[in-house]
């Protein structure tokens, strides 16, 4: 893990989307690893991925039905990890984070066994370089505007809705895939 610890700190974050498929392996090789599952309304998340221009391309993001199937597979696999690794995955719902940032950040930090700092709520004031796709968002305080942006395009999201199936209907709960 040394390659990920560029600043020599004892912890690092890897927030790549596809990492969820490795949770079982991660728990075997890094049993102290903390797993955080951040979820957003499936149509909001799907629309966001579909409308985003990824620099290196993300093949799943070019068709709404593909996004929906991947999202459904994700929720199903995370439900599996909830069953076989109870308590190992901390879940954050984006809508709750936007609604009450301090409470959600405190809950997350408790899970991570880290102290609360006001800077966690003032992340947008950082001077550090940000090289991720969310670099512009990091420079702004948490805002509610994007929560319902997908609704402007809802009539074109039928392939996404169909592919999501029970995941959409149950959100934020997890459907029974048993």
C-alpha atoms as a PDB file:
ATOM      1  CA  UNK A   1       0.000   0.000   0.000  1.00  0.00           C
ATOM      2  CA  UNK A   2       3.069   2.212   0.162  1.00  0.00           C
ATOM      3  CA  UNK A   3       2.399   3.484  -3.367  1.00  0.00           C
ATOM      4  CA  UNK A   4      -0.923   4.960  -2.164  1.00  0.00           C
ATOM      5  CA  UNK A   5       0.625   6.673   0.841  1.00  0.00           C
ATOM      6  CA  UNK A   6       2.250   9.513  -1.053  1.00  0.00           C
ATOM      7  CA  UNK A   7       2.376  11.813   1.980  1.00  0.00           C
ATOM      8  CA  UNK A   8       3.567   9.163   4.419  1.00  0.00           C
ATOM      9  CA  UNK A   9       0.345   9.242   6.393  1.00  0.00           C
ATOM     10  CA  UNK A  10      -1.030   6.093   8.055  1.00  0.00           C
ATOM     11  CA  UNK A  11      -4.274   6.138   6.034  1.00  0.00           C
ATOM     12  CA  UNK A  12      -5.290   6.681   2.451  1.00  0.00           C
ATOM     13  CA  UNK A  13      -8.495   6.789   0.466  1.00  0.00           C
ATOM     14  CA  UNK A  14      -9.217   5.048  -2.804  1.00  0.00           C
ATOM     15  CA  UNK A  15     -12.609   6.140  -4.095  1.00  0.00           C
ATOM     16  CA  UNK A  16     -12.685   4.487  -7.505  1.00  0.00           C
ATOM     17  CA  UNK A  17     -16.185   3.304  -8.352  1.00  0.00           C
ATOM     18  CA  UNK A  18     -15.334  -0.257  -9.402  1.00  0.00           C
ATOM     19  CA  UNK A  19     -13.643  -1.018  -6.054  1.00  0.00           C
ATOM     20  CA  UNK A  20     -16.844  -2.532  -4.689  1.00  0.00           C
ATOM     21  CA  UNK A  21     -16.157  -5.787  -6.532  1.00  0.00           C
ATOM     22  CA  UNK A  22     -13.016  -6.237  -4.421  1.00  0.00           C
ATOM     23  CA  UNK A  23     -14.596  -5.844  -0.972  1.00  0.00           C
ATOM     24  CA  UNK A  24     -14.352  -9.561  -0.187  1.00  0.00           C
ATOM     25  CA  UNK A  25     -10.688  -9.664  -1.201  1.00  0.00           C
ATOM     26  CA  UNK A  26      -9.958  -6.408   0.624  1.00  0.00           C
ATOM     27  CA  UNK A  27     -11.351  -7.820   3.845  1.00  0.00           C
ATOM     28  CA  UNK A  28      -9.073 -10.847   3.502  1.00  0.00           C
ATOM     29  CA  UNK A  29      -5.859  -8.946   2.753  1.00  0.00           C
ATOM     30  CA  UNK A  30      -6.624  -5.737   4.700  1.00  0.00           C
ATOM     31  CA  UNK A  31      -8.921  -6.819   7.524  1.00  0.00           C
ATOM     32  CA  UNK A  32      -8.701  -3.385   9.204  1.00  0.00           C
ATOM     33  CA  UNK A  33      -9.784  -1.587   6.024  1.00  0.00           C
ATOM     34  CA  UNK A  34     -12.826   0.623   6.431  1.00  0.00           C
ATOM     35  CA  UNK A  35     -15.355   0.385   3.602  1.00  0.00           C
ATOM     36  CA  UNK A  36     -17.678   3.320   2.928  1.00  0.00           C
ATOM     37  CA  UNK A  37     -20.622   2.894   0.570  1.00  0.00           C
ATOM     38  CA  UNK A  38     -22.007   6.242  -0.592  1.00  0.00           C
ATOM     39  CA  UNK A  39     -25.339   6.053  -2.390  1.00  0.00           C
ATOM     40  CA  UNK A  40     -27.378   8.581  -4.268  1.00  0.00           C
ATOM     41  CA  UNK A  41     -30.874   8.262  -5.710  1.00  0.00           C
ATOM     42  CA  UNK A  42     -30.467   5.750  -8.589  1.00  0.00           C
ATOM     43  CA  UNK A  43     -31.896   8.094 -11.219  1.00  0.00           C
ATOM     44  CA  UNK A  44     -29.776  11.012 -10.009  1.00  0.00           C
ATOM     45  CA  UNK A  45     -26.657   8.859 -10.001  1.00  0.00           C
ATOM     46  CA  UNK A  46     -27.491   7.272 -13.349  1.00  0.00           C
ATOM     47  CA  UNK A  47     -28.164  10.607 -15.024  1.00  0.00           C
ATOM     48  CA  UNK A  48     -24.970  12.040 -13.546  1.00  0.00           C
ATOM     49  CA  UNK A  49     -22.892   9.207 -15.001  1.00  0.00           C
ATOM     50  CA  UNK A  50     -24.639   9.366 -18.359  1.00  0.00           C
ATOM     51  CA  UNK A  51     -24.151  13.128 -18.700  1.00  0.00           C
ATOM     52  CA  UNK A  52     -20.525  13.126 -17.513  1.00  0.00           C
ATOM     53  CA  UNK A  53     -17.691  13.200 -20.027  1.00  0.00           C
ATOM     54  CA  UNK A  54     -15.046  10.900 -18.580  1.00  0.00           C
ATOM     55  CA  UNK A  55     -11.517  11.689 -19.746  1.00  0.00           C
ATOM     56  CA  UNK A  56     -10.544   8.017 -20.092  1.00  0.00           C
ATOM     57  CA  UNK A  57     -14.032   6.775 -20.899  1.00  0.00           C
ATOM     58  CA  UNK A  58     -16.202   4.524 -18.807  1.00  0.00           C
ATOM     59  CA  UNK A  59     -17.835   2.016 -21.131  1.00  0.00           C
ATOM     60  CA  UNK A  60     -20.795   1.459 -18.801  1.00  0.00           C
ATOM     61  CA  UNK A  61     -21.754   5.152 -18.991  1.00  0.00           C
ATOM     62  CA  UNK A  62     -22.761   5.409 -22.644  1.00  0.00           C
ATOM     63  CA  UNK A  63     -26.136   3.624 -22.439  1.00  0.00           C
ATOM     64  CA  UNK A  64     -28.770   4.180 -19.790  1.00  0.00           C
ATOM     65  CA  UNK A  65     -29.697   0.490 -19.665  1.00  0.00           C
ATOM     66  CA  UNK A  66     -26.044  -0.421 -19.018  1.00  0.00           C
ATOM     67  CA  UNK A  67     -25.871   2.110 -16.183  1.00  0.00           C
ATOM     68  CA  UNK A  68     -29.049   0.652 -14.695  1.00  0.00           C
ATOM     69  CA  UNK A  69     -27.812  -2.939 -14.894  1.00  0.00           C
ATOM     70  CA  UNK A  70     -24.480  -2.008 -13.319  1.00  0.00           C
ATOM     71  CA  UNK A  71     -26.270  -0.115 -10.539  1.00  0.00           C
ATOM     72  CA  UNK A  72     -28.561  -3.051  -9.870  1.00  0.00           C
ATOM     73  CA  UNK A  73     -25.588  -5.453  -9.777  1.00  0.00           C
ATOM     74  CA  UNK A  74     -23.843  -3.068  -7.384  1.00  0.00           C
ATOM     75  CA  UNK A  75     -26.776  -2.924  -4.968  1.00  0.00           C
ATOM     76  CA  UNK A  76     -27.157  -6.702  -5.121  1.00  0.00           C
ATOM     77  CA  UNK A  77     -23.466  -7.304  -4.380  1.00  0.00           C
ATOM     78  CA  UNK A  78     -23.478  -4.768  -1.528  1.00  0.00           C
ATOM     79  CA  UNK A  79     -26.526  -6.550  -0.054  1.00  0.00           C
ATOM     80  CA  UNK A  80     -24.470  -9.742  -0.161  1.00  0.00           C
ATOM     81  CA  UNK A  81     -21.612  -8.057   1.723  1.00  0.00           C
ATOM     82  CA  UNK A  82     -24.113  -6.730   4.276  1.00  0.00           C
ATOM     83  CA  UNK A  83     -25.100 -10.370   4.916  1.00  0.00           C
ATOM     84  CA  UNK A  84     -21.630 -11.954   4.999  1.00  0.00           C
ATOM     85  CA  UNK A  85     -19.675  -9.037   6.515  1.00  0.00           C
ATOM     86  CA  UNK A  86     -22.189  -7.474   8.897  1.00  0.00           C
ATOM     87  CA  UNK A  87     -21.100  -4.069  10.166  1.00  0.00           C
ATOM     88  CA  UNK A  88     -18.023  -3.878   7.910  1.00  0.00           C
ATOM     89  CA  UNK A  89     -19.557  -1.460   5.400  1.00  0.00           C
ATOM     90  CA  UNK A  90     -20.623   2.023   6.468  1.00  0.00           C
ATOM     91  CA  UNK A  91     -23.395   3.417   4.278  1.00  0.00           C
ATOM     92  CA  UNK A  92     -23.904   7.118   3.557  1.00  0.00           C
ATOM     93  CA  UNK A  93     -26.938   8.346   1.651  1.00  0.00           C
ATOM     94  CA  UNK A  94     -26.105  11.437  -0.346  1.00  0.00           C
ATOM     95  CA  UNK A  95     -29.482  13.036   0.294  1.00  0.00           C
ATOM     96  CA  UNK A  96     -28.981  12.768   4.061  1.00  0.00           C
ATOM     97  CA  UNK A  97     -25.450  14.137   3.757  1.00  0.00           C
ATOM     98  CA  UNK A  98     -26.729  17.181   1.889  1.00  0.00           C
ATOM     99  CA  UNK A  99     -29.613  17.619   4.328  1.00  0.00           C
ATOM    100  CA  UNK A 100     -27.530  17.376   7.531  1.00  0.00           C
ATOM    101  CA  UNK A 101     -23.817  17.441   6.676  1.00  0.00           C
ATOM    102  CA  UNK A 102     -22.479  17.716  10.202  1.00  0.00           C
ATOM    103  CA  UNK A 103     -24.455  14.756  11.549  1.00  0.00           C
ATOM    104  CA  UNK A 104     -23.485  12.548   8.606  1.00  0.00           C
ATOM    105  CA  UNK A 105     -19.825  13.582   8.734  1.00  0.00           C
ATOM    106  CA  UNK A 106     -19.707  12.888  12.471  1.00  0.00           C
ATOM    107  CA  UNK A 107     -21.304   9.466  11.911  1.00  0.00           C
ATOM    108  CA  UNK A 108     -18.744   8.682   9.203  1.00  0.00           C
ATOM    109  CA  UNK A 109     -15.813   9.833  11.320  1.00  0.00           C
ATOM    110  CA  UNK A 110     -17.055   7.723  14.238  1.00  0.00           C
ATOM    111  CA  UNK A 111     -17.018   4.693  11.956  1.00  0.00           C
ATOM    112  CA  UNK A 112     -13.519   5.597  10.743  1.00  0.00           C
ATOM    113  CA  UNK A 113     -12.372   6.178  14.329  1.00  0.00           C
ATOM    114  CA  UNK A 114     -11.247   9.697  13.483  1.00  0.00           C
ATOM    115  CA  UNK A 115     -11.861  12.928  15.369  1.00  0.00           C
ATOM    116  CA  UNK A 116     -14.260  15.519  14.050  1.00  0.00           C
ATOM    117  CA  UNK A 117     -12.673  18.724  12.727  1.00  0.00           C
ATOM    118  CA  UNK A 118     -14.524  21.781  11.471  1.00  0.00           C
ATOM    119  CA  UNK A 119     -12.388  21.588   8.327  1.00  0.00           C
ATOM    120  CA  UNK A 120     -14.448  18.525   7.365  1.00  0.00           C
ATOM    121  CA  UNK A 121     -17.401  20.849   6.826  1.00  0.00           C
ATOM    122  CA  UNK A 122     -15.240  23.507   5.164  1.00  0.00           C
ATOM    123  CA  UNK A 123     -13.525  21.194   2.679  1.00  0.00           C
ATOM    124  CA  UNK A 124     -14.113  23.729  -0.088  1.00  0.00           C
ATOM    125  CA  UNK A 125     -11.571  26.083   1.512  1.00  0.00           C
ATOM    126  CA  UNK A 126      -8.643  23.736   0.896  1.00  0.00           C
ATOM    127  CA  UNK A 127      -5.637  24.915  -1.089  1.00  0.00           C
ATOM    128  CA  UNK A 128      -4.507  21.426  -2.061  1.00  0.00           C
ATOM    129  CA  UNK A 129      -4.531  20.288  -5.659  1.00  0.00           C
ATOM    130  CA  UNK A 130      -7.550  18.244  -6.704  1.00  0.00           C
ATOM    131  CA  UNK A 131      -7.154  16.130  -9.835  1.00  0.00           C
ATOM    132  CA  UNK A 132     -10.360  14.093  -9.808  1.00  0.00           C
ATOM    133  CA  UNK A 133     -13.462  14.512 -11.931  1.00  0.00           C
ATOM    134  CA  UNK A 134     -15.100  16.280  -8.981  1.00  0.00           C
ATOM    135  CA  UNK A 135     -12.414  18.982  -8.757  1.00  0.00           C
ATOM    136  CA  UNK A 136     -14.919  21.810  -9.306  1.00  0.00           C
ATOM    137  CA  UNK A 137     -17.311  20.456  -6.678  1.00  0.00           C
ATOM    138  CA  UNK A 138     -14.525  20.278  -4.105  1.00  0.00           C
ATOM    139  CA  UNK A 139     -14.189  24.063  -4.380  1.00  0.00           C
ATOM    140  CA  UNK A 140     -17.857  24.655  -3.496  1.00  0.00           C
ATOM    141  CA  UNK A 141     -19.775  24.111  -0.270  1.00  0.00           C
ATOM    142  CA  UNK A 142     -22.322  21.290  -0.203  1.00  0.00           C
ATOM    143  CA  UNK A 143     -25.377  22.362  -2.194  1.00  0.00           C
ATOM    144  CA  UNK A 144     -28.817  20.905  -2.914  1.00  0.00           C
ATOM    145  CA  UNK A 145     -29.191  22.068  -6.534  1.00  0.00           C
ATOM    146  CA  UNK A 146     -28.101  18.816  -8.174  1.00  0.00           C
ATOM    147  CA  UNK A 147     -30.340  16.552  -6.083  1.00  0.00           C
ATOM    148  CA  UNK A 148     -33.221  16.696  -8.545  1.00  0.00           C
ATOM    149  CA  UNK A 149     -31.436  17.705 -11.750  1.00  0.00           C
ATOM    150  CA  UNK A 150     -32.324  14.327 -13.268  1.00  0.00           C
ATOM    151  CA  UNK A 151     -36.042  15.188 -13.096  1.00  0.00           C
ATOM    152  CA  UNK A 152     -35.619  17.569 -16.057  1.00  0.00           C
ATOM    153  CA  UNK A 153     -34.714  14.524 -18.171  1.00  0.00           C
ATOM    154  CA  UNK A 154     -36.991  11.942 -16.586  1.00  0.00           C
ATOM    155  CA  UNK A 155     -39.038  11.266 -19.699  1.00  0.00           C
ATOM    156  CA  UNK A 156     -35.859  10.036 -21.431  1.00  0.00           C
ATOM    157  CA  UNK A 157     -34.736   7.821 -18.552  1.00  0.00           C
ATOM    158  CA  UNK A 158     -37.057   4.857 -19.186  1.00  0.00           C
ATOM    159  CA  UNK A 159     -34.208   2.473 -20.153  1.00  0.00           C
ATOM    160  CA  UNK A 160     -32.481   3.342 -16.871  1.00  0.00           C
ATOM    161  CA  UNK A 161     -35.673   2.862 -14.851  1.00  0.00           C
ATOM    162  CA  UNK A 162     -36.394  -0.500 -16.473  1.00  0.00           C
ATOM    163  CA  UNK A 163     -32.879  -1.806 -15.862  1.00  0.00           C
ATOM    164  CA  UNK A 164     -32.879  -0.642 -12.226  1.00  0.00           C
ATOM    165  CA  UNK A 165     -36.141  -2.471 -11.530  1.00  0.00           C
ATOM    166  CA  UNK A 166     -36.567  -3.186  -7.805  1.00  0.00           C
ATOM    167  CA  UNK A 167     -33.526  -1.056  -6.882  1.00  0.00           C
ATOM    168  CA  UNK A 168     -35.346   2.069  -7.992  1.00  0.00           C
ATOM    169  CA  UNK A 169     -38.617   1.095  -6.353  1.00  0.00           C
ATOM    170  CA  UNK A 170     -36.967   0.262  -3.006  1.00  0.00           C
ATOM    171  CA  UNK A 171     -34.497   3.149  -2.697  1.00  0.00           C
ATOM    172  CA  UNK A 172     -33.122   3.936  -0.160  1.00  0.00           C
ATOM    173  CA  UNK A 173     -33.950   0.472   1.151  1.00  0.00           C
ATOM    174  CA  UNK A 174     -32.371  -2.559  -0.500  1.00  0.00           C
ATOM    175  CA  UNK A 175     -34.715  -4.971  -2.290  1.00  0.00           C
ATOM    176  CA  UNK A 176     -34.684  -8.631  -1.282  1.00  0.00           C
ATOM    177  CA  UNK A 177     -32.605 -10.358  -3.942  1.00  0.00           C
ATOM    178  CA  UNK A 178     -32.986 -13.738  -2.183  1.00  0.00           C
END
